[in-house]
Amino acid sequence: MKPFDNPIWRFTMDRLVRQWRKEISRRLTIMVIPHGIARPRQLSFSVPFVVFMFVAWTAFTGWAGLVASERFDYWRAKANTHFLKLKLEFFNKQLNESRTMLDEVKELESELRALMALGSRDAIIQTEAIRAPAPTNETRASGGPTLADAAVLERMLNGNTDFSFDDIAKDIQSLRREAETRLAGAREIAQKIENERQLYKSTPNLWPALGYLTSHFGSRLSPIDGFVEAHKGMDIAGPPGTPIRATADGVVKLAGWAGGYGKVVVVDHGMGYSTRYGHNRQILVKTGDRVKRGQIVATMGETGNATGPHCHYEVWYNGRAVNPGKFLKKHTS
C-alpha cells in the first residue's frame, strides 16, 4: 500500500491543511483611537499580507544596508585618498624646500671651496666675485644618496620594508634639519668672508699719488705761519697734474672748493671709513659718483693753503682723523 493511501497519513494531512487555512484566513486588526471626540478607526490586515510586508521590509532593509555599506566604503576610500593626497602634497612641499636649501648649501660650499683654493686670507677677501669653478674631469660624474635615501637603505638592511607616512615624515624632517644646519653654517662662513671683503674694499690701503712724502700725520710746524699744529693727514709732493687716485671703493660726498683744502674730494668708503684729497689742481669726479680703488679722482695742484703742488691726504674712521700711514706700504712708487 502506498503511503498516500494510508488513512492515518491522509487524516493528518487534511487536519494540517484545515489548520493552515484557518490561520491564514485570520485577520489582524489595528485600532487607532484619537484624542478628543473623533471616532476610533480600525485597520484590518490579513495574515498573508502581514507576512508579505514583513518579508518585503526585511528584504528592503537588507538591500538598503548593503547599498549604504558600499557607499560608505566608497566615501571612506575617497576621503582616505584625499587625505593621502594632502599628505603627499605636504611631503612634496617639504622635500622641495629641503632640496632648495641643499642646492643653496652646495652652491655656497662650491664658492667656499673656490675661496679656500685661493690660499691666503688677502687673496680670499680681495676676490671680487666668487662662483663655482668650471667642471673638470673629476667633477663631471658625481652625486650621491641623500640622508633620506640612507635612512631607507638602513631600514632595508635591518629587514624593515614597511614604510609608513610617519617614517617618511621623520626622514624628511631629518633631511630638513640637516639642510638647515649646513646652510646656516655655510651662510655664517660666507657672511664672515663677505664682511671681510667689504672691510677690505672700504679700507684705504692704497697710496693716493706717486711722489715724495713731505709731511707726516701728527704735530708739526705749519709751513704757512710757523706755529705748531695738528696735521690730520700726510702730504705727498709731486709734479703738477700728477694723478690722484681713490684709495678704496666708495661714493664721492664732496667734490669742490673747501677753504684751506682748496679744491678737495671727499670719498665715503663705508664701514666707518672716509678719505679726503686736498689742494687739487683739477677735480675729475662729482658729488654722488661711485669710485673704485685706484680710480683717478683729481690731479695734483696747490689750491688752498699750500706752498707747492702736493696732495694733502686724510683718512677718517668713525668721525675721527687717523694716521694714513698705518694703512699704506712704505713706498709711494
Protein backbone atom coordinates (compact mmCIF):
# COMPACT_ATOMS: atom_id res chain seq x y z
CA MET A 1 0.00 0.00 0.00
CA LYS A 2 1.27 3.44 -0.95
CA PRO A 3 1.98 5.96 1.84
CA PHE A 4 -0.55 8.40 0.45
CA ASP A 5 -3.27 5.72 0.74
CA ASN A 6 -2.64 5.33 4.45
CA PRO A 7 -5.77 6.62 6.25
CA ILE A 8 -3.78 7.95 9.20
CA TRP A 9 -1.43 9.93 6.98
CA ARG A 10 -4.30 11.35 4.94
CA PHE A 11 -6.17 12.30 8.09
CA THR A 12 -3.11 14.08 9.44
CA MET A 13 -2.53 15.98 6.23
CA ASP A 14 -6.18 17.04 5.96
CA ARG A 15 -6.06 18.30 9.51
CA LEU A 16 -2.89 20.31 8.83
CA VAL A 17 -4.37 21.84 5.68
CA ARG A 18 -7.52 22.89 7.51
CA GLN A 19 -5.46 24.35 10.33
CA TRP A 20 -3.26 26.29 7.86
CA ARG A 21 -6.31 27.66 6.02
CA LYS A 22 -7.82 28.70 9.30
CA GLU A 23 -4.67 30.51 10.33
CA ILE A 24 -4.20 32.38 7.07
CA SER A 25 -7.84 33.36 6.99
CA ARG A 26 -7.42 35.22 10.23
CA ARG A 27 -7.07 38.97 10.19
CA LEU A 28 -5.10 41.34 12.33
CA THR A 29 -6.90 44.49 13.40
CA ILE A 30 -5.22 47.71 14.47
CA MET A 31 -7.44 50.26 16.21
CA VAL A 32 -6.47 53.92 16.12
CA ILE A 33 -8.11 55.91 18.92
CA PRO A 34 -7.53 59.65 18.53
CA HIS A 35 -7.80 62.13 21.40
CA GLY A 36 -10.93 64.19 21.63
CA ILE A 37 -14.33 63.38 20.17
CA ALA A 38 -13.15 61.82 16.90
CA ARG A 39 -14.32 58.30 16.25
CA PRO A 40 -11.86 55.42 16.53
CA ARG A 41 -10.63 53.90 13.31
CA GLN A 42 -9.82 50.30 12.60
CA LEU A 43 -7.25 48.93 10.17
CA SER A 44 -7.62 45.26 9.31
CA PHE A 45 -4.93 43.19 7.54
CA SER A 46 -4.87 39.58 6.53
CA VAL A 47 -2.10 37.35 7.85
CA PRO A 48 -0.63 36.68 4.35
CA PHE A 49 -0.43 40.43 3.76
CA VAL A 50 1.36 40.97 7.07
CA VAL A 51 3.78 38.14 6.28
CA PHE A 52 4.40 39.58 2.82
CA MET A 53 5.05 43.05 4.21
CA PHE A 54 7.42 41.63 6.82
CA VAL A 55 9.37 39.73 4.18
CA ALA A 56 9.38 42.77 1.87
CA TRP A 57 10.54 45.08 4.67
CA THR A 58 13.28 42.66 5.67
CA ALA A 59 14.47 42.41 2.07
CA PHE A 60 14.35 46.18 1.62
CA THR A 61 16.27 46.95 4.81
CA GLY A 62 18.85 44.31 3.90
CA TRP A 63 19.29 45.77 0.43
CA ALA A 64 19.42 49.33 1.79
CA GLY A 65 22.03 48.28 4.35
CA LEU A 66 24.15 46.65 1.65
CA VAL A 67 23.94 49.74 -0.57
CA ALA A 68 24.71 52.04 2.37
CA SER A 69 27.69 49.88 3.31
CA GLU A 70 29.03 50.04 -0.24
CA ARG A 71 28.52 53.80 -0.40
CA PHE A 72 30.16 54.21 2.99
CA ASP A 73 33.16 52.20 1.83
CA TYR A 74 33.30 54.33 -1.31
CA TRP A 75 33.23 57.64 0.54
CA ARG A 76 35.65 56.37 3.15
CA ALA A 77 38.05 55.30 0.40
CA LYS A 78 37.58 58.66 -1.32
CA ALA A 79 38.25 60.52 1.93
CA ASN A 80 41.35 58.42 2.56
CA THR A 81 42.55 59.13 -0.98
CA HIS A 82 42.04 62.86 -0.49
CA PHE A 83 43.84 62.72 2.85
CA LEU A 84 46.73 60.82 1.30
CA LYS A 85 46.86 63.37 -1.50
CA LEU A 86 47.12 66.19 1.04
CA LYS A 87 49.86 64.31 2.85
CA LEU A 88 51.77 63.74 -0.36
CA GLU A 89 51.43 67.42 -1.31
CA PHE A 90 52.74 68.39 2.12
CA PHE A 91 55.66 65.98 1.87
CA ASN A 92 56.39 67.14 -1.66
CA LYS A 93 56.47 70.76 -0.48
CA GLN A 94 58.79 69.83 2.38
CA LEU A 95 61.06 67.91 0.01
CA ASN A 96 61.18 70.79 -2.48
CA GLU A 97 62.08 73.24 0.29
CA SER A 98 64.76 70.86 1.55
CA ARG A 99 66.13 70.39 -1.96
CA THR A 100 66.23 74.17 -2.41
CA MET A 101 68.19 74.56 0.81
CA LEU A 102 70.55 71.75 -0.17
CA ASP A 103 71.11 73.34 -3.57
CA GLU A 104 71.96 76.61 -1.83
CA VAL A 105 74.27 74.72 0.52
CA LYS A 106 76.02 73.09 -2.44
CA GLU A 107 76.40 76.45 -4.18
CA LEU A 108 77.79 78.07 -1.05
CA GLU A 109 80.11 75.13 -0.44
CA SER A 110 81.37 75.37 -4.02
CA GLU A 111 82.06 79.07 -3.55
CA LEU A 112 83.77 78.42 -0.23
CA ARG A 113 85.91 75.68 -1.79
CA ALA A 114 86.85 78.11 -4.55
CA LEU A 115 87.76 80.66 -1.89
CA MET A 116 89.84 78.16 0.05
CA ALA A 117 91.69 77.26 -3.15
CA LEU A 118 92.97 80.85 -3.29
CA GLY A 119 95.11 80.13 -0.26
CA SER A 120 95.94 83.34 1.58
CA ARG A 121 93.47 85.50 3.50
CA ASP A 122 94.31 88.55 1.40
CA ALA A 123 93.64 86.65 -1.83
CA ILE A 124 90.30 85.48 -0.45
CA ILE A 125 88.98 88.87 0.66
CA GLN A 126 90.30 90.65 -2.43
CA THR A 127 88.33 88.37 -4.76
CA GLU A 128 85.50 90.41 -6.26
CA ALA A 129 83.14 87.64 -7.33
CA ILE A 130 83.28 84.05 -6.23
CA ARG A 131 81.49 81.40 -8.24
CA ALA A 132 81.93 77.67 -8.50
CA PRO A 133 84.91 76.69 -10.70
CA ALA A 134 84.31 75.27 -14.15
CA PRO A 135 83.64 71.50 -14.18
CA THR A 136 86.67 69.26 -14.68
CA ASN A 137 87.00 65.57 -15.42
CA GLU A 138 86.91 64.91 -11.69
CA THR A 139 83.57 66.65 -11.24
CA ARG A 140 81.87 65.61 -14.46
CA ALA A 141 80.38 62.44 -12.92
CA SER A 142 79.29 62.98 -9.34
CA GLY A 143 76.36 62.61 -7.00
CA GLY A 144 75.30 60.56 -4.01
CA PRO A 145 72.37 59.45 -1.87
CA THR A 146 70.54 61.89 0.35
CA LEU A 147 70.08 61.41 4.08
CA ALA A 148 66.57 60.11 3.44
CA ASP A 149 67.95 57.54 0.99
CA ALA A 150 70.47 56.42 3.59
CA ALA A 151 67.73 56.02 6.20
CA VAL A 152 65.64 53.92 3.82
CA LEU A 153 68.62 51.70 2.99
CA GLU A 154 69.37 51.26 6.68
CA ARG A 155 65.83 50.04 7.35
CA MET A 156 66.03 47.67 4.39
CA LEU A 157 69.29 46.20 5.71
CA ASN A 158 67.56 45.68 9.05
CA GLY A 159 64.75 43.80 7.32
CA ASN A 160 62.13 46.51 7.80
CA THR A 161 60.41 47.21 4.49
CA ASP A 162 57.15 48.54 5.95
CA PHE A 163 57.37 52.28 5.43
CA SER A 164 54.68 54.48 6.94
CA PHE A 165 53.96 58.12 6.40
CA ASP A 166 55.37 58.78 9.87
CA ASP A 167 58.67 57.20 8.78
CA ILE A 168 58.72 59.32 5.64
CA ALA A 169 57.88 62.44 7.64
CA LYS A 170 60.73 61.70 10.07
CA ASP A 171 63.14 61.21 7.17
CA ILE A 172 62.05 64.49 5.60
CA GLN A 173 62.35 66.34 8.91
CA SER A 174 65.81 64.84 9.43
CA LEU A 175 66.81 65.91 5.94
CA ARG A 176 65.40 69.39 6.52
CA ARG A 177 67.19 69.82 9.85
CA GLU A 178 70.47 68.68 8.32
CA ALA A 179 70.00 71.05 5.39
CA GLU A 180 69.14 73.94 7.71
CA THR A 181 72.18 73.26 9.88
CA ARG A 182 74.56 73.01 6.95
CA LEU A 183 73.02 76.04 5.28
CA ALA A 184 73.29 78.11 8.46
CA GLY A 185 76.94 77.15 8.83
CA ALA A 186 77.74 77.89 5.20
CA ARG A 187 75.88 81.20 5.36
CA GLU A 188 77.75 82.20 8.51
CA ILE A 189 81.11 81.49 6.88
CA ALA A 190 80.07 83.20 3.66
CA GLN A 191 78.83 86.22 5.64
CA LYS A 192 82.11 86.48 7.52
CA ILE A 193 84.02 86.35 4.25
CA GLU A 194 81.67 88.94 2.75
CA ASN A 195 82.18 91.20 5.77
CA GLU A 196 85.94 90.82 5.39
CA ARG A 197 85.64 91.61 1.70
CA GLN A 198 83.54 94.69 2.36
CA LEU A 199 86.01 95.79 5.02
CA TYR A 200 88.85 95.31 2.54
CA LYS A 201 87.00 97.31 -0.11
CA SER A 202 86.38 100.08 2.42
CA THR A 203 89.90 100.17 3.86
CA PRO A 204 92.04 102.94 2.26
CA ASN A 205 95.25 100.94 1.78
CA LEU A 206 96.49 102.48 -1.49
CA TRP A 207 98.85 105.43 -1.92
CA PRO A 208 96.79 108.29 -3.37
CA ALA A 209 99.63 109.57 -5.58
CA LEU A 210 103.21 108.99 -6.67
CA GLY A 211 105.69 111.43 -5.22
CA TYR A 212 107.63 112.32 -2.09
CA LEU A 213 106.27 112.23 1.43
CA THR A 214 106.94 115.76 2.71
CA SER A 215 104.83 115.87 5.88
CA HIS A 216 103.62 113.13 8.24
CA PHE A 217 100.49 112.76 10.35
CA GLY A 218 100.62 114.42 13.78
CA SER A 219 102.11 117.57 15.32
CA ARG A 220 104.26 119.78 13.09
CA LEU A 221 105.29 123.36 12.42
CA SER A 222 102.85 124.92 9.99
CA PRO A 223 104.53 125.79 6.66
CA ILE A 224 102.12 128.72 6.39
CA ASP A 225 102.57 130.57 9.71
CA GLY A 226 105.28 128.57 11.53
CA PHE A 227 103.14 127.67 14.54
CA VAL A 228 102.75 124.13 15.92
CA GLU A 229 99.64 122.48 14.59
CA ALA A 230 97.99 119.06 14.48
CA HIS A 231 98.44 117.79 10.95
CA LYS A 232 95.45 115.50 10.32
CA GLY A 233 96.89 113.85 7.23
CA MET A 234 100.04 113.43 5.18
CA ASP A 235 101.42 115.47 2.28
CA ILE A 236 102.74 113.85 -0.90
CA ALA A 237 104.56 116.26 -3.23
CA GLY A 238 104.92 115.77 -6.97
CA PRO A 239 104.72 117.49 -10.34
CA PRO A 240 101.56 119.50 -11.06
CA GLY A 241 98.93 117.34 -12.73
CA THR A 242 100.08 114.09 -11.08
CA PRO A 243 97.05 111.74 -10.90
CA ILE A 244 95.31 111.49 -7.51
CA ARG A 245 93.62 108.12 -7.01
CA ALA A 246 90.87 106.91 -4.67
CA THR A 247 92.44 104.65 -2.08
CA ALA A 248 89.34 102.43 -1.68
CA ASP A 249 85.91 101.88 -3.20
CA GLY A 250 83.29 104.42 -2.20
CA VAL A 251 80.93 107.27 -3.01
CA VAL A 252 82.02 110.89 -3.55
CA LYS A 253 80.46 113.00 -0.81
CA LEU A 254 82.06 116.30 -1.80
CA ALA A 255 83.88 117.50 -4.90
CA GLY A 256 84.61 121.23 -4.87
CA TRP A 257 86.23 124.14 -3.01
CA ALA A 258 86.55 123.95 0.79
CA GLY A 259 88.60 126.81 2.31
CA GLY A 260 92.20 125.87 3.15
CA TYR A 261 91.76 122.48 1.44
CA GLY A 262 91.35 124.29 -1.86
CA LYS A 263 89.79 122.00 -4.42
CA VAL A 264 89.01 118.88 -2.39
CA VAL A 265 87.46 115.47 -2.98
CA VAL A 266 85.87 113.61 -0.05
CA VAL A 267 85.01 109.92 -0.52
CA ASP A 268 82.85 107.85 1.85
CA HIS A 269 84.05 104.23 1.76
CA GLY A 270 81.57 102.70 4.19
CA MET A 271 82.39 100.61 7.28
CA GLY A 272 83.20 103.92 9.03
CA TYR A 273 85.99 104.98 6.62
CA SER A 274 86.27 108.16 4.55
CA THR A 275 89.19 109.93 2.84
CA ARG A 276 89.99 113.50 1.80
CA TYR A 277 92.22 114.65 -1.07
CA GLY A 278 93.10 118.37 -0.89
CA HIS A 279 94.88 121.13 -2.87
CA ASN A 280 93.91 119.58 -6.22
CA ARG A 281 94.53 121.30 -9.50
CA GLN A 282 91.57 119.66 -11.23
CA ILE A 283 88.68 117.56 -9.91
CA LEU A 284 87.61 114.72 -12.20
CA VAL A 285 84.55 113.43 -10.29
CA LYS A 286 81.37 114.96 -8.97
CA THR A 287 79.35 114.52 -5.81
CA GLY A 288 77.42 111.24 -5.80
CA ASP A 289 79.78 109.38 -8.14
CA ARG A 290 80.79 105.85 -7.24
CA VAL A 291 84.53 105.30 -7.45
CA LYS A 292 86.75 102.23 -7.36
CA ARG A 293 90.07 101.74 -5.62
CA GLY A 294 92.77 103.17 -7.90
CA GLN A 295 90.37 105.33 -9.93
CA ILE A 296 91.74 108.82 -10.74
CA VAL A 297 89.57 111.41 -8.99
CA ALA A 298 91.73 114.54 -9.35
CA THR A 299 95.14 115.91 -10.37
CA MET A 300 97.80 117.30 -8.06
CA GLY A 301 97.89 121.07 -7.54
CA GLU A 302 98.45 123.79 -4.94
CA THR A 303 95.00 125.30 -4.40
CA GLY A 304 94.06 126.50 -0.91
CA ASN A 305 96.71 126.80 1.81
CA ALA A 306 99.67 125.21 0.01
CA THR A 307 103.30 126.18 -0.57
CA GLY A 308 103.64 123.99 -3.64
CA PRO A 309 101.95 121.25 -5.64
CA HIS A 310 101.14 118.28 -3.40
CA CYS A 311 98.27 116.04 -2.28
CA HIS A 312 97.06 116.55 1.27
CA TYR A 313 95.64 113.14 2.15
CA GLU A 314 93.49 112.38 5.21
CA VAL A 315 91.88 109.16 6.47
CA TRP A 316 88.91 109.38 8.83
CA TYR A 317 87.46 106.46 10.78
CA ASN A 318 84.19 106.76 12.70
CA GLY A 319 84.38 110.55 12.63
CA ARG A 320 87.99 110.83 13.76
CA ALA A 321 91.15 111.53 11.76
CA VAL A 322 93.62 108.61 11.91
CA ASN A 323 97.16 108.13 10.66
CA PRO A 324 97.00 107.18 6.95
CA GLY A 325 100.46 105.64 7.22
CA LYS A 326 99.26 102.58 9.12
CA PHE A 327 97.23 101.54 6.05
CA LEU A 328 99.98 102.12 3.49
CA LYS A 329 103.13 100.40 2.31
CA LYS A 330 106.46 102.08 2.93
CA HIS A 331 106.94 103.47 -0.56
CA THR A 332 104.98 105.63 -2.99
CA SER A 333 106.05 104.13 -6.28
